[in-house]
Amino acid sequence: MCVGIPMQVLSCEGITALCAGRGGERRLDLSLVGVQASGTWLLAFLDAAREVIDAESAARINAALDGLEAAMNGETDLTRFFADLIDRPPELPEFLRGEPR
C-alpha cells in the first residue's frame, strides 16, 4: 500500500525540490507537478510529488495519518483525528454521484 504524505517545499533545483514533512526533509521529483514555489504543499508518494494541495488539505491528511499511528498504538478513541468527518453524513465523491435512478 502506498500512502501519500504532505510535504512543504523548502527550495527547488531543476525538477526536484527539497521538502519538509513527516519524518524530516526529503528531495522530491517534481516531474508530475512542475516547479513549485517555496511554501507550496505537495502530496508525495515514494519520493515523487503527485499533487499540489493547500495547507488545509495537508493538515487534514496529517491528522488522519496521526490517527492511523494512534490506532496502530492501540488507541480506540480516534475522533480528534477526524474532526472533518464528525457530525456529518458520509458523502460520495462527485464523480460517483451520477443521476438518481
Protein backbone atom coordinates (compact mmCIF):
# COMPACT_ATOMS: atom_id res chain seq x y z
CA MET A 1 0.00 0.00 0.00
CA CYS A 2 1.27 3.46 -0.86
CA VAL A 3 0.37 6.32 1.48
CA GLY A 4 0.56 9.96 0.41
CA ILE A 5 2.50 12.25 2.73
CA PRO A 6 2.05 16.04 2.76
CA MET A 7 5.35 17.85 2.31
CA GLN A 8 6.12 21.55 2.02
CA VAL A 9 8.63 22.89 -0.49
CA LEU A 10 11.71 24.48 1.05
CA SER A 11 13.63 25.09 -2.18
CA CYS A 12 13.66 23.95 -5.82
CA GLU A 13 16.55 22.90 -8.02
CA GLY A 14 15.56 21.93 -11.53
CA ILE A 15 12.77 19.35 -11.40
CA THR A 16 13.47 18.40 -7.79
CA ALA A 17 12.63 20.15 -4.55
CA LEU A 18 13.88 19.88 -1.02
CA CYS A 19 10.73 19.42 1.08
CA ALA A 20 9.90 19.07 4.76
CA GLY A 21 7.20 16.88 6.23
CA ARG A 22 6.64 13.88 8.46
CA GLY A 23 9.97 12.33 9.27
CA GLY A 24 12.10 15.26 8.18
CA GLU A 25 13.40 16.54 4.86
CA ARG A 26 13.40 14.71 1.53
CA ARG A 27 14.16 15.55 -2.06
CA LEU A 28 11.08 15.06 -4.26
CA ASP A 29 10.79 14.60 -8.02
CA LEU A 30 8.52 17.35 -9.42
CA SER A 31 8.05 15.87 -12.90
CA LEU A 32 4.28 15.42 -12.44
CA VAL A 33 3.54 18.81 -10.84
CA GLY A 34 6.18 21.12 -12.30
CA VAL A 35 8.45 23.54 -10.48
CA GLN A 36 6.81 24.90 -7.33
CA ALA A 37 7.48 27.94 -5.16
CA SER A 38 8.83 27.66 -1.62
CA GLY A 39 5.98 27.16 0.83
CA THR A 40 3.84 25.12 -1.59
CA TRP A 41 2.28 21.96 -0.15
CA LEU A 42 2.62 18.74 -2.14
CA LEU A 43 1.23 15.25 -1.70
CA ALA A 44 4.19 12.90 -2.06
CA PHE A 45 4.29 9.18 -2.86
CA LEU A 46 7.60 7.31 -2.98
CA ASP A 47 9.73 10.48 -3.21
CA ALA A 48 7.67 11.95 -6.05
CA ALA A 49 5.21 14.83 -5.82
CA ARG A 50 1.89 13.69 -7.28
CA GLU A 51 -0.40 16.62 -6.47
CA VAL A 52 -0.29 20.24 -5.32
CA ILE A 53 -2.51 20.63 -2.24
CA ASP A 54 -3.48 23.52 0.02
CA ALA A 55 -2.46 23.93 3.68
CA GLU A 56 -5.91 22.86 4.90
CA SER A 57 -5.73 19.60 2.97
CA ALA A 58 -2.21 19.00 4.27
CA ALA A 59 -3.45 19.48 7.85
CA ARG A 60 -6.39 17.06 7.34
CA ILE A 61 -4.13 14.41 5.81
CA ASN A 62 -1.56 14.79 8.59
CA ALA A 63 -4.33 14.46 11.21
CA ALA A 64 -5.56 11.27 9.53
CA LEU A 65 -2.01 9.88 9.49
CA ASP A 66 -1.71 10.75 13.20
CA GLY A 67 -4.97 8.84 13.72
CA LEU A 68 -3.60 5.82 11.86
CA GLU A 69 -0.50 5.88 14.04
CA ALA A 70 -2.65 6.17 17.19
CA ALA A 71 -4.77 3.20 16.09
CA MET A 72 -1.64 1.15 15.48
CA ASN A 73 -0.57 2.02 19.04
CA GLY A 74 -3.84 0.67 20.44
CA GLU A 75 -5.86 3.88 20.88
CA THR A 76 -9.58 3.42 20.32
CA ASP A 77 -10.99 6.96 20.52
CA LEU A 78 -9.83 8.46 17.24
CA THR A 79 -12.42 11.23 16.89
CA ARG A 80 -9.89 14.01 17.49
CA PHE A 81 -8.01 12.96 14.36
CA PHE A 82 -11.02 13.10 12.07
CA ALA A 83 -12.80 16.31 13.10
CA ASP A 84 -13.79 16.98 9.48
CA LEU A 85 -15.79 13.72 9.40
CA ILE A 86 -17.59 14.00 12.75
CA ASP A 87 -21.23 15.13 12.78
CA ARG A 88 -21.82 14.88 9.05
CA PRO A 89 -23.20 12.12 6.86
CA PRO A 90 -20.82 10.28 4.53
CA GLU A 91 -20.60 11.71 1.01
CA LEU A 92 -19.72 10.06 -2.27
CA PRO A 93 -17.20 11.84 -4.45
CA GLU A 94 -18.93 13.93 -7.12
CA PHE A 95 -17.86 11.63 -9.96
CA LEU A 96 -19.66 8.69 -8.26
CA ARG A 97 -22.89 10.53 -7.52
CA GLY A 98 -24.39 10.40 -11.01
CA GLU A 99 -28.06 10.90 -11.71
CA PRO A 100 -30.60 9.26 -9.38
CA ARG A 101 -32.46 6.34 -10.94
